[in-house]
Amino acid sequence: MQNEVTIFCKNTQSYHSVPRGSSALEIYEHLDIQLKYPVVAARINYKVEDLNFFVYKPKDVEFLDISCSSGMRVYVRTLTMVLGCAIHELYPDCDLRVEHPISKGYYCRVLQRESDGKVSLKGLTEDTIRAIKKRMLEIIAEDRPIINEEKQTKEVMKLFKENNNDETNLFETLGEPYSRYFRMLKQDGTEYIDYYSGVLMPSTGYLNIFDIEPYHDGMLMRIPCRKNPSRLEDSIQQEKMFGIFNEYITWNHLVKVNNVADLNKASKRKRTVDIIKVSEALQEKKISQIADMITHRDGGRPKFVLISGPSSSGKTTFSKRLDIQLRVNGVTPVTISMDNYFVNREDTPRDERGEYDFEDLNAIDLPLFRQQLEDLLEGKEVSLPTFNFEDGKRYFLGNKLKIEDDNVIILEGIHALNPNLIPDIPREATFRIYVSALTTINLDNHNWIPTTDTRLIRRIVRDYRYRNYSAQETIARVNSVRRGEEKWIYPYQENADVMFNSALLFELAVLKRYAEQILDEVPKACEEYTEAYRLKHFLQYFVSIPEKEIPPTSLIREFVGGSSFRY
């Protein structure tokens, strides 16, 4: 029938005829699909769309709840808009700024516009935060519709300027003729408008679990637990992580780049050379400071420097640059690869799917590893193993090591901060470093850049260029890699003596040129296309920066090539 269209619903694994022009929400209700948790969005032809998306042609349709990454993003964006609206209604001269994820939530501050046009930080008392939460609950109870609209960019910019919203700069640098934005009716009858890089839920009533609580000079927006969305994520202490984020935000101020719009403007004004030089110099200064901490530590110089961090965090290049800075201080580093201590392939632990789990702590021959470190600490000579990844076996090829007074041993690996790795080595004999790409630049006040996205884009580029993996293959392994990180890395990151942020202010604008071409190769009819499409859309916000001014020792060279280090 002409008035009907056939869809394939992936939730029911069957075809259905539905009225042409039906919304995703109407289809969901018509099919009476029962997800484990409330529906928040739909994946239509492998693209995440809001529930108001209208279907006019045959489509593959899958309904999402917040137990998946895509659904959780939709939930958090919607919660952010409600938080921003609540602040706007209570304090019309104030704006929400979502700084970064921390402590299993999102650290937010409130910025106050002064009469002279300047912006200052608004102090948040417990009473203020309670008032904000109360208004959020009222907005949710009113089930206010959230409307997604598209207009000429000049009209959208005019709307945002009238509302003192900083997204005008982002619209200006993107240069698109039309722009989308979101609007929601306020309590006084006027509209609250905002911009988000992805879809939102149809109305505020879809939100059911959240909390807002004091956190340093701001507040923590707490969100549902992905594994069990019927409760909140357990808040954890991440004081060192918080400190490193704040340090880099301060560094961004030095080059006057606080968001992607600022970076794009700097690029168009030919300021990127200065930004690259300052960013690289700041990072080198931090590495030099860490080398000084190791060399001159109170109580004596440690013998073991343990370096850990998640996938694509730049641990290898960091280790090589730290080696140089230690040599400047008169210290002679010796690097031992923990990979050479893998047990033979047949002895590797298996995961719940019966596959080899190379990220399990017991994939390492712990008795041998521990004994050799103890022997080295006592001044003995040891025979170092070599692991052959082709046949999955370990060999002793005559490589021997004995450390002298001026030596320190650098150990790099995902388990380096795990206290169960070398429990009998005295704590004072070790210095522990956590390395990660902690993205410190946001699209704007309400759209943050997840650290996981920066690392994933790095990995997609590196795997394609140097490991012969397609973007589809890399994306397909993401969930497995992240499960390993959640189990073996993140619980121990606060054990570090110091944290190092390997993210560079300009790097996504450099990676853009490589990543977009690689992501274009992902087939449109596969599970991985959802993530590929999202990442391509995200990279469109950046004006591309050429790499010619990036030094050969830069961390980004580990991923795009041109490094003076050997890997």
Protein backbone atom coordinates (compact mmCIF):
# COMPACT_ATOMS: atom_id res chain seq x y z
CA MET A 1 0.00 0.00 0.00
CA GLN A 2 1.23 3.49 -0.84
CA ASN A 3 0.26 4.77 2.58
CA GLU A 4 2.47 2.20 4.30
CA VAL A 5 6.19 1.51 4.38
CA THR A 6 8.05 -1.67 5.34
CA ILE A 7 10.69 -1.54 8.04
CA PHE A 8 12.93 -4.20 9.51
CA CYS A 9 12.98 -3.95 13.31
CA LYS A 10 16.21 -5.32 14.73
CA ASN A 11 14.66 -5.63 18.19
CA THR A 12 12.02 -8.09 16.94
CA GLN A 13 14.17 -9.43 14.07
CA SER A 14 11.18 -9.15 11.74
CA TYR A 15 9.61 -6.97 9.05
CA HIS A 16 6.63 -4.71 9.79
CA SER A 17 4.37 -2.49 7.73
CA VAL A 18 3.80 0.91 9.34
CA PRO A 19 2.02 4.08 8.19
CA ARG A 20 4.28 6.19 5.97
CA GLY A 21 5.50 9.23 7.89
CA SER A 22 5.30 7.53 11.29
CA SER A 23 7.71 8.77 13.92
CA ALA A 24 10.15 6.35 15.52
CA LEU A 25 8.24 6.75 18.79
CA GLU A 26 4.93 5.88 17.11
CA ILE A 27 6.52 2.77 15.59
CA TYR A 28 7.93 1.78 18.97
CA GLU A 29 4.53 2.12 20.63
CA HIS A 30 2.74 0.36 17.73
CA LEU A 31 5.06 -2.66 17.88
CA ASP A 32 4.77 -2.74 21.69
CA ILE A 33 8.50 -3.40 22.08
CA GLN A 34 9.64 -4.02 25.64
CA LEU A 35 13.22 -2.92 26.23
CA LYS A 36 14.86 -3.66 29.56
CA TYR A 37 15.01 0.08 30.27
CA PRO A 38 13.00 3.03 28.88
CA VAL A 39 13.59 3.82 25.20
CA VAL A 40 15.66 6.97 24.53
CA ALA A 41 16.46 6.92 20.80
CA ALA A 42 16.40 4.84 17.64
CA ARG A 43 19.19 3.63 15.38
CA ILE A 44 17.89 4.00 11.84
CA ASN A 45 20.04 2.58 9.05
CA TYR A 46 22.86 2.47 11.62
CA LYS A 47 22.60 6.18 12.47
CA VAL A 48 21.34 7.30 15.88
CA GLU A 49 18.22 9.45 15.47
CA ASP A 50 15.79 10.97 17.95
CA LEU A 51 12.37 9.41 18.56
CA ASN A 52 10.71 12.17 16.54
CA PHE A 53 12.46 10.97 13.36
CA PHE A 54 9.86 10.36 10.62
CA VAL A 55 10.07 7.26 8.44
CA TYR A 56 9.00 7.64 4.79
CA LYS A 57 11.09 4.91 3.15
CA PRO A 58 12.07 1.32 4.02
CA LYS A 59 14.55 1.36 6.90
CA ASP A 60 16.36 -0.85 9.39
CA VAL A 61 15.21 0.34 12.83
CA GLU A 62 16.61 -0.52 16.25
CA PHE A 63 15.35 1.05 19.45
CA LEU A 64 17.90 1.96 22.13
CA ASP A 65 17.83 2.36 25.88
CA ILE A 66 20.56 3.77 28.13
CA SER A 67 22.33 0.45 28.64
CA CYS A 68 24.29 1.06 25.40
CA SER A 69 26.84 3.83 24.74
CA SER A 70 24.69 5.60 22.14
CA GLY A 71 21.66 5.62 24.43
CA MET A 72 23.65 6.90 27.39
CA ARG A 73 24.99 9.79 25.33
CA VAL A 74 21.42 10.80 24.43
CA TYR A 75 20.40 10.62 28.09
CA VAL A 76 23.36 12.71 29.32
CA ARG A 77 22.86 15.37 26.64
CA THR A 78 19.20 15.70 27.61
CA LEU A 79 20.09 15.90 31.30
CA THR A 80 22.64 18.62 30.48
CA MET A 81 19.98 20.67 28.69
CA VAL A 82 17.67 20.41 31.71
CA LEU A 83 20.52 21.48 34.01
CA GLY A 84 21.33 24.43 31.75
CA CYS A 85 17.66 25.47 31.61
CA ALA A 86 17.28 25.22 35.41
CA ILE A 87 20.28 27.52 35.91
CA HIS A 88 18.97 29.94 33.27
CA GLU A 89 15.56 30.14 34.96
CA LEU A 90 16.97 30.62 38.46
CA TYR A 91 19.89 32.87 37.52
CA PRO A 92 19.22 34.58 34.15
CA ASP A 93 22.69 36.18 34.07
CA CYS A 94 24.45 32.81 34.50
CA ASP A 95 25.45 29.97 32.19
CA LEU A 96 26.31 26.34 32.71
CA ARG A 97 29.77 25.09 31.71
CA VAL A 98 30.37 21.34 31.62
CA GLU A 99 34.12 21.06 32.12
CA HIS A 100 34.97 17.35 31.89
CA PRO A 101 34.00 13.84 33.05
CA ILE A 102 35.31 12.97 36.52
CA SER A 103 34.38 10.69 39.42
CA LYS A 104 31.87 8.74 37.27
CA GLY A 105 29.98 11.97 36.52
CA TYR A 106 30.51 15.38 34.94
CA TYR A 107 32.18 18.30 36.66
CA CYS A 108 30.24 21.51 36.03
CA ARG A 109 30.68 25.14 36.95
CA VAL A 110 28.40 28.15 36.70
CA LEU A 111 29.67 31.25 34.89
CA GLN A 112 28.22 34.67 35.67
CA ARG A 113 28.09 37.46 33.10
CA GLU A 114 29.17 40.82 34.54
CA SER A 115 27.84 44.23 33.46
CA ASP A 116 31.16 45.03 31.74
CA GLY A 117 30.86 41.94 29.54
CA LYS A 118 33.39 39.88 31.46
CA VAL A 119 32.61 36.43 32.87
CA SER A 120 33.36 35.30 36.40
CA LEU A 121 32.88 32.09 38.34
CA LYS A 122 29.70 31.99 40.42
CA GLY A 123 30.17 30.55 43.87
CA LEU A 124 27.94 27.54 44.49
CA THR A 125 26.70 26.89 48.00
CA GLU A 126 24.85 23.76 49.05
CA ASP A 127 21.65 25.82 49.10
CA THR A 128 22.29 26.99 45.52
CA ILE A 129 22.85 23.43 44.32
CA ARG A 130 19.72 22.23 46.11
CA ALA A 131 17.73 24.98 44.39
CA ILE A 132 19.11 23.97 41.00
CA LYS A 133 18.24 20.32 41.59
CA LYS A 134 14.74 21.26 42.75
CA ARG A 135 14.15 23.25 39.56
CA MET A 136 15.47 20.36 37.47
CA LEU A 137 12.97 18.02 39.10
CA GLU A 138 10.20 20.50 38.37
CA ILE A 139 11.22 20.73 34.70
CA ILE A 140 11.28 16.94 34.44
CA ALA A 141 7.87 16.61 36.16
CA GLU A 142 6.38 19.11 33.68
CA ASP A 143 7.53 16.81 30.83
CA ARG A 144 8.47 19.78 28.65
CA PRO A 145 8.84 18.93 24.93
CA ILE A 146 12.31 19.34 23.43
CA ILE A 147 12.08 20.50 19.83
CA ASN A 148 14.88 20.04 17.30
CA GLU A 149 14.78 22.75 14.62
CA GLU A 150 16.87 23.82 11.64
CA LYS A 151 17.12 27.37 10.32
CA GLN A 152 19.50 29.54 8.36
CA THR A 153 22.68 29.87 10.37
CA LYS A 154 22.42 33.67 10.47
CA GLU A 155 18.96 33.35 12.08
CA VAL A 156 20.21 30.77 14.58
CA MET A 157 23.17 32.98 15.49
CA LYS A 158 20.81 35.89 16.05
CA LEU A 159 18.70 33.76 18.40
CA PHE A 160 21.71 32.67 20.38
CA LYS A 161 23.12 36.20 20.63
CA GLU A 162 19.79 37.40 22.00
CA ASN A 163 20.10 34.69 24.65
CA ASN A 164 23.76 35.48 25.47
CA ASN A 165 24.79 32.01 24.36
CA ASP A 166 28.41 31.30 23.32
CA GLU A 167 27.48 28.83 20.55
CA THR A 168 27.46 31.72 18.07
CA ASN A 169 31.23 31.42 17.77
CA LEU A 170 30.96 27.72 16.90
CA PHE A 171 28.31 28.35 14.24
CA GLU A 172 30.48 31.10 12.78
CA THR A 173 33.59 28.94 12.43
CA LEU A 174 31.72 25.98 10.92
CA GLY A 175 30.46 28.09 8.03
CA GLU A 176 27.35 25.98 7.32
CA PRO A 177 24.36 27.72 5.64
CA TYR A 178 21.86 25.97 7.95
CA SER A 179 22.24 24.93 11.58
CA ARG A 180 20.23 22.78 13.97
CA TYR A 181 19.45 23.72 17.54
CA PHE A 182 17.12 22.69 20.37
CA ARG A 183 14.42 24.70 22.10
CA MET A 184 12.34 24.11 25.19
CA LEU A 185 9.56 26.17 26.76
CA LYS A 186 10.58 27.91 29.98
CA GLN A 187 8.47 28.47 33.07
CA ASP A 188 7.85 32.12 32.18
CA GLY A 189 6.55 31.24 28.72
CA THR A 190 9.73 32.16 26.83
CA GLU A 191 12.00 29.58 25.23
CA TYR A 192 15.32 28.20 26.34
CA ILE A 193 17.52 27.35 23.35
CA ASP A 194 20.70 25.31 23.22
CA TYR A 195 22.97 23.43 20.87
CA TYR A 196 24.16 19.82 21.09
CA SER A 197 26.32 17.75 18.76
CA GLY A 198 23.91 14.79 18.82
CA VAL A 199 20.26 13.91 19.36
CA LEU A 200 18.22 14.39 22.54
CA MET A 201 15.14 12.70 23.94
CA PRO A 202 11.68 14.04 22.92
CA SER A 203 10.84 15.58 26.28
CA THR A 204 12.19 16.11 29.78
CA GLY A 205 9.89 13.46 31.28
CA TYR A 206 12.14 10.72 29.90
CA LEU A 207 14.73 11.54 32.55
CA ASN A 208 14.34 9.56 35.75
CA ILE A 209 17.68 9.15 37.49
CA PHE A 210 20.29 11.82 38.23
CA ASP A 211 21.80 13.82 41.04
CA ILE A 212 23.66 17.11 41.52
CA GLU A 213 26.10 17.51 44.38
CA PRO A 214 28.88 19.91 45.43
CA TYR A 215 32.29 19.20 43.90
CA HIS A 216 35.27 21.50 44.53
CA ASP A 217 34.29 24.99 43.28
CA GLY A 218 31.48 23.60 41.14
CA MET A 219 29.15 20.64 41.14
CA LEU A 220 29.08 17.04 39.97
CA MET A 221 26.30 15.96 37.63
CA ARG A 222 25.79 12.30 38.44
CA ILE A 223 24.34 9.94 35.84
CA PRO A 224 22.87 6.41 35.74
CA CYS A 225 25.13 3.37 35.82
CA ARG A 226 25.37 1.81 32.36
CA LYS A 227 25.55 -1.73 33.71
CA ASN A 228 22.50 -1.12 35.90
CA PRO A 229 20.70 2.08 34.78
CA SER A 230 18.14 1.76 37.54
CA ARG A 231 20.70 3.30 39.91
CA LEU A 232 23.36 6.00 39.84
CA GLU A 233 27.00 5.38 39.09
CA ASP A 234 29.03 5.02 42.28
CA SER A 235 30.98 8.24 42.74
CA ILE A 236 34.74 7.68 43.19
CA GLN A 237 37.54 9.92 44.40
CA GLN A 238 39.80 11.15 41.59
CA GLU A 239 41.69 14.04 43.13
CA LYS A 240 44.85 13.55 41.06
CA MET A 241 42.82 13.28 37.87
CA PHE A 242 40.93 16.44 38.78
CA GLY A 243 44.20 18.27 39.38
CA ILE A 244 45.65 17.32 35.99
CA PHE A 245 42.48 18.44 34.20
CA ASN A 246 42.63 21.82 35.94
CA GLU A 247 46.31 22.21 35.10
CA TYR A 248 45.64 21.79 31.41
CA ILE A 249 42.65 24.12 31.44
CA THR A 250 45.04 26.74 32.85
CA TRP A 251 47.48 25.95 30.04
CA ASN A 252 44.72 26.48 27.46
CA HIS A 253 44.21 29.98 28.83
CA LEU A 254 47.88 30.72 28.08
CA VAL A 255 47.24 30.34 24.36
CA LYS A 256 43.73 31.84 24.61
CA VAL A 257 41.99 28.69 23.34
CA ASN A 258 39.10 27.60 25.54
CA ASN A 259 36.97 25.70 23.02
CA VAL A 260 36.94 24.40 19.44
CA ALA A 261 35.59 27.70 18.09
CA ASP A 262 38.68 29.46 19.52
CA LEU A 263 40.94 26.82 17.94
CA ASN A 264 39.23 27.20 14.57
CA LYS A 265 39.55 30.98 14.70
CA ALA A 266 43.23 30.66 15.59
CA SER A 267 43.72 28.34 12.62
CA LYS A 268 42.05 30.77 10.22
CA ARG A 269 44.19 33.60 11.61
CA LYS A 270 47.41 31.59 11.09
CA ARG A 271 48.08 31.26 14.82
CA THR A 272 48.43 27.47 14.85
CA VAL A 273 52.22 27.52 14.67
CA ASP A 274 52.36 29.37 18.00
CA ILE A 275 49.74 27.04 19.52
CA ILE A 276 51.72 23.97 18.43
CA LYS A 277 54.99 25.34 19.81
CA VAL A 278 53.53 26.38 23.15
CA SER A 279 51.59 23.12 23.57
CA GLU A 280 54.68 21.03 22.80
CA ALA A 281 56.84 23.14 25.11
CA LEU A 282 54.37 22.83 27.97
CA GLN A 283 54.28 19.07 27.54
CA GLU A 284 58.07 18.83 27.41
CA LYS A 285 58.30 20.97 30.55
CA LYS A 286 55.95 18.55 32.34
CA ILE A 287 58.08 15.56 31.30
CA SER A 288 61.18 17.38 32.54
CA GLN A 289 59.48 18.05 35.89
CA ILE A 290 58.60 14.36 36.22
CA ALA A 291 62.23 13.43 35.49
CA ASP A 292 63.32 15.83 38.24
CA MET A 293 60.81 14.27 40.67
CA ILE A 294 62.32 10.84 39.98
CA THR A 295 65.94 12.00 40.13
CA HIS A 296 65.68 14.07 43.30
CA ARG A 297 62.93 12.30 45.22
CA ASP A 298 63.06 12.72 48.99
CA GLY A 299 64.16 9.47 50.60
CA GLY A 300 66.25 8.35 47.64
CA ARG A 301 65.99 7.73 43.95
CA PRO A 302 63.61 4.88 42.99
CA LYS A 303 64.95 1.94 41.01
CA PHE A 304 61.74 1.17 39.11
CA VAL A 305 59.64 3.65 37.12
CA LEU A 306 56.25 2.07 36.40
CA ILE A 307 54.19 3.56 33.57
CA SER A 308 50.57 2.63 32.91
CA GLY A 309 47.66 3.98 30.90
CA PRO A 310 44.85 2.92 28.58
CA SER A 311 45.13 2.04 24.89
CA SER A 312 46.52 4.75 22.59
CA SER A 313 47.46 7.03 25.46
CA GLY A 314 50.96 7.59 24.07
CA LYS A 315 52.77 5.62 26.77
CA THR A 316 55.54 4.50 24.40
CA THR A 317 56.50 7.98 23.21
CA PHE A 318 56.18 9.35 26.74
CA SER A 319 58.58 6.65 27.98
CA LYS A 320 61.13 7.53 25.29
CA ARG A 321 60.94 11.25 26.07
CA LEU A 322 61.19 10.57 29.80
CA ASP A 323 64.29 8.47 29.06
CA ILE A 324 65.92 11.51 27.45
CA GLN A 325 65.06 13.85 30.32
CA LEU A 326 66.43 11.36 32.86
CA ARG A 327 69.68 11.16 30.92
CA VAL A 328 69.90 14.96 31.07
CA ASN A 329 69.79 14.53 34.87
CA GLY A 330 72.65 12.03 34.83
CA VAL A 331 70.41 8.98 35.21
CA THR A 332 70.75 6.02 32.83
CA PRO A 333 67.37 4.38 32.22
CA VAL A 334 66.97 0.76 31.16
CA THR A 335 63.62 -0.25 29.64
CA ILE A 336 62.12 -3.68 30.27
CA SER A 337 59.09 -4.71 28.24
CA MET A 338 56.47 -6.47 30.33
CA ASP A 339 55.24 -8.14 27.12
CA ASN A 340 58.30 -10.39 27.23
CA TYR A 341 56.98 -11.93 30.45
CA PHE A 342 53.80 -13.32 28.87
CA VAL A 343 53.16 -16.96 29.71
CA ASN A 344 53.18 -19.35 26.76
CA ARG A 345 50.06 -19.01 24.63
CA GLU A 346 48.43 -22.25 25.81
CA ASP A 347 48.76 -21.11 29.45
CA THR A 348 47.05 -17.74 28.86
CA PRO A 349 43.84 -17.19 30.88
CA ARG A 350 40.59 -17.18 28.93
CA ASP A 351 37.71 -14.73 29.22
CA GLU A 352 33.99 -15.47 29.62
CA ARG A 353 33.73 -16.16 25.88
CA GLY A 354 36.50 -18.74 26.01
CA GLU A 355 38.97 -16.52 24.14
CA TYR A 356 42.52 -15.75 25.25
CA ASP A 357 42.54 -12.77 27.61
CA PHE A 358 45.93 -11.15 27.12
CA GLU A 359 44.95 -8.23 29.38
CA ASP A 360 44.46 -10.46 32.43
CA LEU A 361 47.15 -9.92 35.07
CA ASN A 362 47.82 -13.66 35.07
CA ALA A 363 48.72 -13.57 31.37
CA ILE A 364 52.10 -12.46 32.80
CA ASP A 365 54.44 -14.99 34.38
CA LEU A 366 54.22 -13.25 37.73
CA PRO A 367 56.60 -15.53 39.69
CA LEU A 368 59.38 -14.99 37.11
CA PHE A 369 58.69 -11.28 36.75
CA ARG A 370 58.67 -10.67 40.51
CA GLN A 371 61.76 -12.78 41.15
CA GLN A 372 63.79 -11.00 38.46
CA LEU A 373 62.86 -7.55 39.77
CA GLU A 374 63.84 -8.59 43.30
CA ASP A 375 67.14 -9.97 42.01
CA LEU A 376 67.85 -6.74 40.11
CA LEU A 377 67.06 -4.72 43.22
CA GLU A 378 69.62 -6.80 45.14
CA GLY A 379 72.27 -6.14 42.50
CA LYS A 380 72.13 -9.58 40.86
CA GLU A 381 72.40 -10.26 37.14
CA VAL A 382 69.34 -11.77 35.44
CA SER A 383 68.66 -13.38 32.05
CA LEU A 384 65.84 -11.48 30.39
CA PRO A 385 63.16 -13.40 28.46
CA THR A 386 61.98 -12.63 24.94
CA PHE A 387 58.43 -13.43 23.88
CA ASN A 388 57.79 -14.52 20.30
CA PHE A 389 54.31 -13.32 19.32
CA GLU A 390 54.27 -15.47 16.16
CA ASP A 391 54.47 -18.85 17.90
CA GLY A 392 53.24 -17.65 21.31
CA LYS A 393 56.27 -18.88 23.24
CA ARG A 394 58.88 -17.32 25.50
CA TYR A 395 62.62 -17.79 24.92
CA PHE A 396 65.86 -16.91 26.68
CA LEU A 397 68.29 -15.63 24.04
CA GLY A 398 71.19 -14.61 26.25
CA ASN A 399 70.05 -11.06 27.05
CA LYS A 400 71.37 -10.25 30.51
CA LEU A 401 70.89 -7.26 32.78
CA LYS A 402 72.48 -5.99 35.96
CA ILE A 403 71.67 -2.51 37.17
CA GLU A 404 74.27 -0.03 38.41
CA ASP A 405 73.88 2.89 40.79
CA ASP A 406 73.03 5.32 38.00
CA ASN A 407 70.37 3.05 36.47
CA VAL A 408 66.61 3.15 36.81
CA ILE A 409 64.40 0.55 35.17
CA ILE A 410 61.41 1.77 33.17
CA LEU A 411 58.52 -0.70 33.08
CA GLU A 412 55.62 0.15 30.79
CA GLY A 413 52.38 -1.85 30.74
CA ILE A 414 48.69 -1.81 31.54
CA HIS A 415 49.27 -3.47 34.95
CA ALA A 416 52.07 -1.19 36.09
CA LEU A 417 49.96 0.55 38.77
CA ASN A 418 48.24 -2.62 39.99
CA PRO A 419 49.43 -3.27 43.57
CA ASN A 420 49.21 -7.03 42.91
CA LEU A 421 51.88 -6.84 40.20
CA ILE A 422 54.93 -6.60 42.51
CA PRO A 423 53.54 -6.72 46.07
CA ASP A 424 56.91 -7.55 47.66
CA ILE A 425 58.91 -4.74 46.06
CA PRO A 426 59.23 -1.88 48.61
CA ARG A 427 57.03 1.08 47.70
CA GLU A 428 59.97 3.46 48.05
CA ALA A 429 61.78 1.54 45.29
CA THR A 430 59.11 2.49 42.76
CA PHE A 431 57.81 5.63 41.06
CA ARG A 432 54.42 5.26 39.37
CA ILE A 433 53.13 7.30 36.42
CA TYR A 434 49.68 7.25 34.85
CA VAL A 435 49.51 8.40 31.22
CA SER A 436 46.30 9.19 29.36
CA ALA A 437 44.95 11.55 26.72
CA LEU A 438 42.75 13.66 28.99
CA THR A 439 41.06 15.93 26.48
CA THR A 440 40.88 19.47 27.85
CA ILE A 441 39.15 21.32 25.03
CA ASN A 442 35.35 21.31 24.57
CA LEU A 443 33.21 22.16 21.56
CA ASP A 444 31.48 24.80 23.69
CA ASN A 445 30.11 25.20 27.21
CA HIS A 446 27.70 22.27 26.94
CA ASN A 447 29.43 19.89 24.53
CA TRP A 448 32.49 18.11 25.87
CA ILE A 449 34.93 15.85 24.03
CA PRO A 450 35.21 12.43 25.70
CA THR A 451 38.74 11.26 26.41
CA THR A 452 37.76 7.89 24.93
CA ASP A 453 37.01 9.58 21.57
CA THR A 454 40.46 11.14 21.36
CA ARG A 455 42.14 7.82 22.05
CA LEU A 456 39.86 5.93 19.66
CA ILE A 457 40.63 8.33 16.81
CA ARG A 458 44.35 8.00 17.57
CA ARG A 459 44.04 4.21 17.48
CA ILE A 460 42.02 4.14 14.25
CA VAL A 461 44.72 6.19 12.50
CA ARG A 462 47.64 4.20 13.95
CA ASP A 463 46.07 0.77 13.35
CA TYR A 464 45.28 1.63 9.74
CA ARG A 465 48.67 3.13 8.93
CA TYR A 466 50.97 0.75 10.80
CA ARG A 467 49.07 -2.43 11.76
CA ASN A 468 46.98 -3.05 8.64
CA TYR A 469 43.67 -2.89 10.53
CA SER A 470 40.64 -1.19 9.00
CA ALA A 471 38.58 1.30 10.99
CA GLN A 472 35.80 -1.28 11.07
CA GLU A 473 38.11 -3.84 12.71
CA THR A 474 39.41 -1.32 15.24
CA ILE A 475 35.90 -0.15 16.17
CA ALA A 476 34.75 -3.79 16.47
CA ARG A 477 37.38 -4.36 19.21
CA VAL A 478 36.55 -1.21 21.18
CA ASN A 479 34.17 -2.79 23.68
CA SER A 480 36.59 -5.59 24.50
CA VAL A 481 39.47 -3.13 24.98
CA ARG A 482 37.36 -0.90 27.22
CA ARG A 483 36.25 -3.83 29.35
CA GLY A 484 39.91 -4.61 29.96
CA GLU A 485 40.64 -0.98 30.83
CA GLU A 486 37.72 -0.84 33.25
CA LYS A 487 38.97 -3.98 34.99
CA TRP A 488 42.73 -3.62 34.93
CA ILE A 489 43.64 0.08 34.54
CA TYR A 490 41.08 2.59 35.79
CA PRO A 491 40.71 1.17 39.33
CA TYR A 492 44.42 1.82 39.97
CA GLN A 493 45.02 5.17 38.27
CA GLU A 494 44.94 7.14 41.53
CA ASN A 495 47.83 4.94 42.77
CA ALA A 496 50.12 7.01 40.56
CA ASP A 497 52.71 9.33 42.07
CA VAL A 498 52.06 11.65 39.12
CA MET A 499 49.73 11.81 36.14
CA PHE A 500 50.71 12.92 32.66
CA ASN A 501 48.21 14.20 30.13
CA SER A 502 49.32 13.18 26.65
CA ALA A 503 46.52 15.07 24.87
CA LEU A 504 47.60 18.00 22.74
CA LEU A 505 45.34 20.99 22.27
CA PHE A 506 45.59 20.87 18.49
CA GLU A 507 45.76 17.13 17.84
CA LEU A 508 42.18 16.40 16.75
CA ALA A 509 42.51 19.09 14.08
CA VAL A 510 45.60 17.23 12.84
CA LEU A 511 44.13 13.73 13.09
CA LYS A 512 41.01 14.90 11.22
CA ARG A 513 42.65 14.68 7.79
CA TYR A 514 43.70 11.06 8.34
CA ALA A 515 40.71 9.80 10.29
CA GLU A 516 37.99 11.06 7.95
CA GLN A 517 39.42 9.17 4.97
CA ILE A 518 39.82 5.98 6.99
CA LEU A 519 36.31 6.21 8.48
CA ASP A 520 34.85 6.72 5.00
CA GLU A 521 35.85 3.11 4.22
CA VAL A 522 33.52 1.64 6.88
CA PRO A 523 30.54 0.02 5.10
CA LYS A 524 27.22 1.74 5.73
CA ALA A 525 25.40 -1.52 6.49
CA CYS A 526 27.37 -2.81 9.48
CA GLU A 527 27.28 -2.39 13.26
CA GLU A 528 30.51 -0.37 13.27
CA TYR A 529 29.06 2.28 10.96
CA THR A 530 27.15 3.83 13.89
CA GLU A 531 30.41 4.74 15.60
CA ALA A 532 32.17 5.65 12.36
CA TYR A 533 29.39 8.05 11.40
CA ARG A 534 29.39 9.63 14.88
CA LEU A 535 33.14 10.18 14.78
CA LYS A 536 33.03 11.67 11.27
CA HIS A 537 30.27 14.04 12.37
CA PHE A 538 32.32 15.00 15.41
CA LEU A 539 35.46 15.73 13.36
CA GLN A 540 33.51 18.13 11.14
CA TYR A 541 33.65 20.67 13.96
CA PHE A 542 37.40 21.10 13.49
CA VAL A 543 39.23 23.18 10.93
CA SER A 544 42.06 20.95 9.73
CA ILE A 545 45.61 21.86 10.81
CA PRO A 546 48.61 20.67 8.72
CA GLU A 547 51.25 18.68 10.57
CA LYS A 548 54.39 20.22 9.06
CA GLU A 549 55.16 22.33 12.15
CA ILE A 550 54.82 19.41 14.57
CA PRO A 551 58.25 18.34 15.89
CA PRO A 552 59.47 14.76 15.23
CA THR A 553 59.48 14.00 18.97
CA SER A 554 55.81 14.93 19.42
CA LEU A 555 53.46 12.38 20.97
CA ILE A 556 51.12 12.76 18.01
CA ARG A 557 53.88 11.43 15.73
CA GLU A 558 53.36 7.98 17.28
CA PHE A 559 50.02 7.91 15.45
CA VAL A 560 50.43 9.95 12.26
CA GLY A 561 54.06 9.07 11.51
CA GLY A 562 57.20 11.15 11.06
CA SER A 563 58.59 10.39 14.52
CA SER A 564 62.33 10.44 15.18
CA PHE A 565 61.81 7.61 17.69
CA ARG A 566 61.87 3.94 16.72
CA TYR A 567 58.86 1.88 17.75
